[in-house]
Amino acid sequence: MVLAFMSISVWLANAIVCFVSQLRRMVPYARLVRNGAVAPSHLKAEVASVALLLRMKAPVSVIVKGIASPFLWCVGATRLAWPDSISSRADVVRSRGIIAHELAHLHRRDHWITWLELGASILWWWNPMFWFVRRQLRETAEMSCDAGHRCQSRKPSRLRKTALATFITKLKRSSSTSPSGRCRQRCFL
């Protein structure tokens, strides 16, 4: 009886630690999105045109300082957080594939999977198989969205490569970091 009580206590304590650590990771991003500026009309138009291709409603777009790459924020109303360093009209036009990639995550409802992962990580924090499956799910989602945006893109491959090279160069020159202090690295192609 004592062993069972101790086991449950240890599991519960670690589940609480896992929940709190996940919450601490989310709070800085919530602040960034909440303090984001209204997106310029050219970004809204580009997001709307890509959303139309995907036959979905365009999310609200916000310009965020201090991030290196765009991301979807799906706590409350869904928002596309866009870095201010690439918010010029030319950068947004060159980033159509990146917009398509982010919207593909929304179209696939990957945010629901992420919420399930959060709950599962609190329950199964101790299980190495859970962490392996979670990593595989994320990699599969990224590859699927990469493939999906390539199919949706109408631009020639050479132009996409040039745009991507320009975007990556700007990211390398940028000193913006994620809230955790490390540069956020993402797979773009």
C-alpha atoms as a PDB file:
ATOM      1  CA  MET A   1       0.000   0.000   0.000  1.00  0.00           C
ATOM      2  CA  VAL A   2       2.813   2.397   0.902  1.00  0.00           C
ATOM      3  CA  LEU A   3       4.656   1.539  -2.331  1.00  0.00           C
ATOM      4  CA  ALA A   4       1.551   2.295  -4.405  1.00  0.00           C
ATOM      5  CA  PHE A   5       1.044   5.597  -2.590  1.00  0.00           C
ATOM      6  CA  MET A   6       4.708   6.533  -3.120  1.00  0.00           C
ATOM      7  CA  SER A   7       4.540   5.623  -6.815  1.00  0.00           C
ATOM      8  CA  ILE A   8       1.405   7.713  -7.357  1.00  0.00           C
ATOM      9  CA  SER A   9       2.926  10.605  -5.422  1.00  0.00           C
ATOM     10  CA  VAL A  10       6.109  10.551  -7.511  1.00  0.00           C
ATOM     11  CA  TRP A  11       4.094  10.327 -10.754  1.00  0.00           C
ATOM     12  CA  LEU A  12       1.780  13.171  -9.687  1.00  0.00           C
ATOM     13  CA  ALA A  13       4.656  15.415  -8.591  1.00  0.00           C
ATOM     14  CA  ASN A  14       6.450  14.915 -11.901  1.00  0.00           C
ATOM     15  CA  ALA A  15       3.216  15.432 -13.863  1.00  0.00           C
ATOM     16  CA  ILE A  16       2.789  18.784 -12.099  1.00  0.00           C
ATOM     17  CA  VAL A  17       6.418  19.688 -12.866  1.00  0.00           C
ATOM     18  CA  CYS A  18       5.844  18.765 -16.520  1.00  0.00           C
ATOM     19  CA  PHE A  19       2.670  20.892 -16.668  1.00  0.00           C
ATOM     20  CA  VAL A  20       4.372  23.896 -15.080  1.00  0.00           C
ATOM     21  CA  SER A  21       7.380  23.633 -17.403  1.00  0.00           C
ATOM     22  CA  GLN A  22       5.081  23.506 -20.452  1.00  0.00           C
ATOM     23  CA  LEU A  23       3.220  26.539 -19.151  1.00  0.00           C
ATOM     24  CA  ARG A  24       6.486  28.420 -18.607  1.00  0.00           C
ATOM     25  CA  ARG A  25       7.458  27.702 -22.215  1.00  0.00           C
ATOM     26  CA  MET A  26       4.142  29.067 -23.510  1.00  0.00           C
ATOM     27  CA  VAL A  27       3.949  32.298 -21.512  1.00  0.00           C
ATOM     28  CA  PRO A  28       6.744  34.204 -23.354  1.00  0.00           C
ATOM     29  CA  TYR A  29       5.191  33.362 -26.726  1.00  0.00           C
ATOM     30  CA  ALA A  30       1.776  34.459 -25.464  1.00  0.00           C
ATOM     31  CA  ARG A  31       3.284  37.820 -24.491  1.00  0.00           C
ATOM     32  CA  LEU A  32       4.924  38.210 -27.889  1.00  0.00           C
ATOM     33  CA  VAL A  33       1.689  37.484 -29.747  1.00  0.00           C
ATOM     34  CA  ARG A  34      -0.412  39.650 -27.421  1.00  0.00           C
ATOM     35  CA  ASN A  35       1.976  42.586 -27.927  1.00  0.00           C
ATOM     36  CA  GLY A  36       2.159  42.056 -31.682  1.00  0.00           C
ATOM     37  CA  ALA A  37       1.225  44.851 -34.054  1.00  0.00           C
ATOM     38  CA  VAL A  38      -1.507  44.699 -36.652  1.00  0.00           C
ATOM     39  CA  ALA A  39      -0.189  43.161 -39.862  1.00  0.00           C
ATOM     40  CA  PRO A  40       0.200  45.397 -42.904  1.00  0.00           C
ATOM     41  CA  SER A  41      -2.355  45.014 -45.703  1.00  0.00           C
ATOM     42  CA  HIS A  42       0.109  43.305 -48.073  1.00  0.00           C
ATOM     43  CA  LEU A  43       0.729  40.531 -45.513  1.00  0.00           C
ATOM     44  CA  LYS A  44      -2.994  40.114 -44.850  1.00  0.00           C
ATOM     45  CA  ALA A  45      -3.648  39.913 -48.606  1.00  0.00           C
ATOM     46  CA  GLU A  46      -0.911  37.297 -49.142  1.00  0.00           C
ATOM     47  CA  VAL A  47      -2.166  35.181 -46.222  1.00  0.00           C
ATOM     48  CA  ALA A  48      -5.731  35.468 -47.551  1.00  0.00           C
ATOM     49  CA  SER A  49      -4.689  34.408 -51.069  1.00  0.00           C
ATOM     50  CA  VAL A  50      -2.803  31.353 -49.783  1.00  0.00           C
ATOM     51  CA  ALA A  51      -5.726  30.488 -47.490  1.00  0.00           C
ATOM     52  CA  LEU A  52      -8.057  30.693 -50.481  1.00  0.00           C
ATOM     53  CA  LEU A  53      -5.864  28.176 -52.328  1.00  0.00           C
ATOM     54  CA  LEU A  54      -6.117  25.863 -49.330  1.00  0.00           C
ATOM     55  CA  ARG A  55      -9.890  26.473 -49.135  1.00  0.00           C
ATOM     56  CA  MET A  56      -9.748  27.717 -45.590  1.00  0.00           C
ATOM     57  CA  LYS A  57     -10.341  30.863 -43.582  1.00  0.00           C
ATOM     58  CA  ALA A  58      -7.253  33.026 -43.170  1.00  0.00           C
ATOM     59  CA  PRO A  59      -6.047  33.460 -39.590  1.00  0.00           C
ATOM     60  CA  VAL A  60      -5.432  36.883 -38.089  1.00  0.00           C
ATOM     61  CA  SER A  61      -1.862  37.968 -38.771  1.00  0.00           C
ATOM     62  CA  VAL A  62       0.262  39.941 -36.321  1.00  0.00           C
ATOM     63  CA  ILE A  63       3.739  41.415 -36.670  1.00  0.00           C
ATOM     64  CA  VAL A  64       5.972  40.322 -33.806  1.00  0.00           C
ATOM     65  CA  LYS A  65       9.369  41.684 -32.811  1.00  0.00           C
ATOM     66  CA  GLY A  66      12.016  39.343 -31.481  1.00  0.00           C
ATOM     67  CA  ILE A  67      11.254  36.175 -33.477  1.00  0.00           C
ATOM     68  CA  ALA A  68      13.301  34.692 -36.301  1.00  0.00           C
ATOM     69  CA  SER A  69      10.595  32.710 -38.092  1.00  0.00           C
ATOM     70  CA  PRO A  70       6.805  32.759 -38.356  1.00  0.00           C
ATOM     71  CA  PHE A  71       4.622  30.486 -36.244  1.00  0.00           C
ATOM     72  CA  LEU A  72       0.966  29.783 -35.577  1.00  0.00           C
ATOM     73  CA  TRP A  73      -0.397  30.637 -32.149  1.00  0.00           C
ATOM     74  CA  CYS A  74      -3.485  28.568 -31.396  1.00  0.00           C
ATOM     75  CA  VAL A  75      -4.354  29.571 -27.843  1.00  0.00           C
ATOM     76  CA  GLY A  76      -7.661  31.377 -28.092  1.00  0.00           C
ATOM     77  CA  ALA A  77      -8.107  32.893 -31.541  1.00  0.00           C
ATOM     78  CA  THR A  78      -5.668  31.471 -34.080  1.00  0.00           C
ATOM     79  CA  ARG A  79      -2.994  33.951 -35.142  1.00  0.00           C
ATOM     80  CA  LEU A  80      -0.110  33.842 -37.547  1.00  0.00           C
ATOM     81  CA  ALA A  81       2.838  35.526 -35.812  1.00  0.00           C
ATOM     82  CA  TRP A  82       5.059  37.087 -38.473  1.00  0.00           C
ATOM     83  CA  PRO A  83       8.580  38.441 -37.801  1.00  0.00           C
ATOM     84  CA  ASP A  84       8.920  42.187 -38.252  1.00  0.00           C
ATOM     85  CA  SER A  85      12.326  41.650 -39.889  1.00  0.00           C
ATOM     86  CA  ILE A  86      10.641  40.121 -42.968  1.00  0.00           C
ATOM     87  CA  SER A  87       7.439  42.148 -43.106  1.00  0.00           C
ATOM     88  CA  SER A  88       8.268  44.343 -46.103  1.00  0.00           C
ATOM     89  CA  ARG A  89       6.166  43.834 -49.231  1.00  0.00           C
ATOM     90  CA  ALA A  90       9.042  42.177 -51.152  1.00  0.00           C
ATOM     91  CA  ASP A  91       9.874  39.820 -48.278  1.00  0.00           C
ATOM     92  CA  VAL A  92       6.249  38.783 -47.861  1.00  0.00           C
ATOM     93  CA  VAL A  93       5.882  38.030 -51.586  1.00  0.00           C
ATOM     94  CA  ARG A  94       9.063  35.916 -51.479  1.00  0.00           C
ATOM     95  CA  SER A  95       7.729  34.129 -48.382  1.00  0.00           C
ATOM     96  CA  ARG A  96       4.577  32.750 -49.992  1.00  0.00           C
ATOM     97  CA  GLY A  97       5.841  29.176 -49.540  1.00  0.00           C
ATOM     98  CA  ILE A  98       6.474  29.793 -45.846  1.00  0.00           C
ATOM     99  CA  ILE A  99       2.961  31.208 -45.457  1.00  0.00           C
ATOM    100  CA  ALA A 100       1.605  28.118 -47.235  1.00  0.00           C
ATOM    101  CA  HIS A 101       3.607  25.882 -44.899  1.00  0.00           C
ATOM    102  CA  GLU A 102       2.239  27.565 -41.771  1.00  0.00           C
ATOM    103  CA  LEU A 103      -1.329  27.541 -43.084  1.00  0.00           C
ATOM    104  CA  ALA A 104      -0.936  23.869 -44.014  1.00  0.00           C
ATOM    105  CA  HIS A 105      -0.382  23.155 -40.310  1.00  0.00           C
ATOM    106  CA  LEU A 106      -3.663  24.898 -39.569  1.00  0.00           C
ATOM    107  CA  HIS A 107      -5.450  23.155 -42.428  1.00  0.00           C
ATOM    108  CA  ARG A 108      -4.236  19.753 -41.173  1.00  0.00           C
ATOM    109  CA  ARG A 109      -5.338  20.727 -37.653  1.00  0.00           C
ATOM    110  CA  ASP A 110      -1.878  20.060 -36.252  1.00  0.00           C
ATOM    111  CA  HIS A 111      -2.685  22.414 -33.384  1.00  0.00           C
ATOM    112  CA  TRP A 112      -5.195  19.859 -32.075  1.00  0.00           C
ATOM    113  CA  ILE A 113      -2.487  17.204 -32.148  1.00  0.00           C
ATOM    114  CA  THR A 114      -0.215  19.586 -30.250  1.00  0.00           C
ATOM    115  CA  TRP A 115      -2.864  20.031 -27.550  1.00  0.00           C
ATOM    116  CA  LEU A 116      -3.204  16.226 -27.310  1.00  0.00           C
ATOM    117  CA  GLU A 117       0.587  15.977 -27.068  1.00  0.00           C
ATOM    118  CA  LEU A 118       0.539  18.448 -24.190  1.00  0.00           C
ATOM    119  CA  GLY A 119      -1.981  16.361 -22.270  1.00  0.00           C
ATOM    120  CA  ALA A 120      -0.171  13.131 -23.112  1.00  0.00           C
ATOM    121  CA  SER A 121       3.177  14.561 -22.000  1.00  0.00           C
ATOM    122  CA  ILE A 122       1.690  15.314 -18.611  1.00  0.00           C
ATOM    123  CA  LEU A 123       0.318  11.772 -18.310  1.00  0.00           C
ATOM    124  CA  TRP A 124       3.200   9.843 -19.870  1.00  0.00           C
ATOM    125  CA  TRP A 125       6.216  11.978 -18.949  1.00  0.00           C
ATOM    126  CA  TRP A 126       8.002   8.846 -17.764  1.00  0.00           C
ATOM    127  CA  ASN A 127       7.559   6.789 -20.964  1.00  0.00           C
ATOM    128  CA  PRO A 128      10.424   6.994 -23.516  1.00  0.00           C
ATOM    129  CA  MET A 129       8.153   5.541 -26.201  1.00  0.00           C
ATOM    130  CA  PHE A 130       5.855   8.567 -25.845  1.00  0.00           C
ATOM    131  CA  TRP A 131       8.745  10.979 -26.497  1.00  0.00           C
ATOM    132  CA  PHE A 132       9.850   8.937 -29.514  1.00  0.00           C
ATOM    133  CA  VAL A 133       6.327   8.902 -31.002  1.00  0.00           C
ATOM    134  CA  ARG A 134       5.931  12.617 -30.302  1.00  0.00           C
ATOM    135  CA  ARG A 135       9.135  13.403 -32.183  1.00  0.00           C
ATOM    136  CA  GLN A 136       8.023  11.232 -35.106  1.00  0.00           C
ATOM    137  CA  LEU A 137       4.621  12.945 -35.219  1.00  0.00           C
ATOM    138  CA  ARG A 138       6.239  16.376 -35.363  1.00  0.00           C
ATOM    139  CA  GLU A 139       8.695  15.375 -38.083  1.00  0.00           C
ATOM    140  CA  THR A 140       5.883  13.841 -40.132  1.00  0.00           C
ATOM    141  CA  ALA A 141       3.760  16.983 -39.746  1.00  0.00           C
ATOM    142  CA  GLU A 142       6.664  19.169 -40.918  1.00  0.00           C
ATOM    143  CA  MET A 143       7.353  16.963 -43.948  1.00  0.00           C
ATOM    144  CA  SER A 144       3.675  16.828 -44.827  1.00  0.00           C
ATOM    145  CA  CYS A 145       3.321  20.618 -44.676  1.00  0.00           C
ATOM    146  CA  ASP A 146       6.510  21.060 -46.708  1.00  0.00           C
ATOM    147  CA  ALA A 147       5.168  18.741 -49.393  1.00  0.00           C
ATOM    148  CA  GLY A 148       1.753  20.382 -49.280  1.00  0.00           C
ATOM    149  CA  HIS A 149       3.046  23.907 -49.812  1.00  0.00           C
ATOM    150  CA  ARG A 150       5.245  22.769 -52.703  1.00  0.00           C
ATOM    151  CA  CYS A 151       2.161  21.378 -54.432  1.00  0.00           C
ATOM    152  CA  GLN A 152       0.224  24.610 -53.831  1.00  0.00           C
ATOM    153  CA  SER A 153       2.977  26.913 -55.048  1.00  0.00           C
ATOM    154  CA  ARG A 154       2.653  28.249 -58.576  1.00  0.00           C
ATOM    155  CA  LYS A 155       6.123  29.766 -58.816  1.00  0.00           C
ATOM    156  CA  PRO A 156       8.985  28.043 -60.664  1.00  0.00           C
ATOM    157  CA  SER A 157      11.421  26.055 -58.569  1.00  0.00           C
ATOM    158  CA  ARG A 158      14.383  28.368 -59.321  1.00  0.00           C
ATOM    159  CA  LEU A 159      12.491  31.403 -58.052  1.00  0.00           C
ATOM    160  CA  ARG A 160      11.505  29.559 -54.851  1.00  0.00           C
ATOM    161  CA  LYS A 161      15.125  28.617 -54.211  1.00  0.00           C
ATOM    162  CA  THR A 162      16.260  32.216 -54.724  1.00  0.00           C
ATOM    163  CA  ALA A 163      13.555  33.490 -52.373  1.00  0.00           C
ATOM    164  CA  LEU A 164      14.467  30.917 -49.760  1.00  0.00           C
ATOM    165  CA  ALA A 165      18.164  31.786 -49.993  1.00  0.00           C
ATOM    166  CA  THR A 166      17.334  35.470 -49.506  1.00  0.00           C
ATOM    167  CA  PHE A 167      15.104  34.667 -46.542  1.00  0.00           C
ATOM    168  CA  ILE A 168      17.737  32.487 -44.867  1.00  0.00           C
ATOM    169  CA  THR A 169      20.392  35.160 -45.425  1.00  0.00           C
ATOM    170  CA  LYS A 170      18.166  37.709 -43.686  1.00  0.00           C
ATOM    171  CA  LEU A 171      17.608  35.295 -40.806  1.00  0.00           C
ATOM    172  CA  LYS A 172      21.341  34.795 -40.379  1.00  0.00           C
ATOM    173  CA  ARG A 173      21.947  38.542 -40.338  1.00  0.00           C
ATOM    174  CA  SER A 174      19.079  39.102 -37.954  1.00  0.00           C
ATOM    175  CA  SER A 175      19.916  39.217 -34.287  1.00  0.00           C
ATOM    176  CA  SER A 176      16.380  38.333 -33.246  1.00  0.00           C
ATOM    177  CA  THR A 177      15.983  35.404 -30.942  1.00  0.00           C
ATOM    178  CA  SER A 178      13.167  33.411 -29.513  1.00  0.00           C
ATOM    179  CA  PRO A 179      11.984  34.089 -25.953  1.00  0.00           C
ATOM    180  CA  SER A 180      14.157  31.259 -24.710  1.00  0.00           C
ATOM    181  CA  GLY A 181      17.250  33.122 -25.909  1.00  0.00           C
ATOM    182  CA  ARG A 182      18.176  30.662 -28.652  1.00  0.00           C
ATOM    183  CA  CYS A 183      17.564  31.188 -32.314  1.00  0.00           C
ATOM    184  CA  ARG A 184      14.506  29.223 -33.371  1.00  0.00           C
ATOM    185  CA  GLN A 185      15.467  26.861 -36.179  1.00  0.00           C
ATOM    186  CA  ARG A 186      12.833  25.539 -38.559  1.00  0.00           C
ATOM    187  CA  CYS A 187      12.853  23.383 -41.652  1.00  0.00           C
ATOM    188  CA  PHE A 188      11.743  25.525 -44.598  1.00  0.00           C
ATOM    189  CA  LEU A 189      12.057  23.038 -47.484  1.00  0.00           C
END
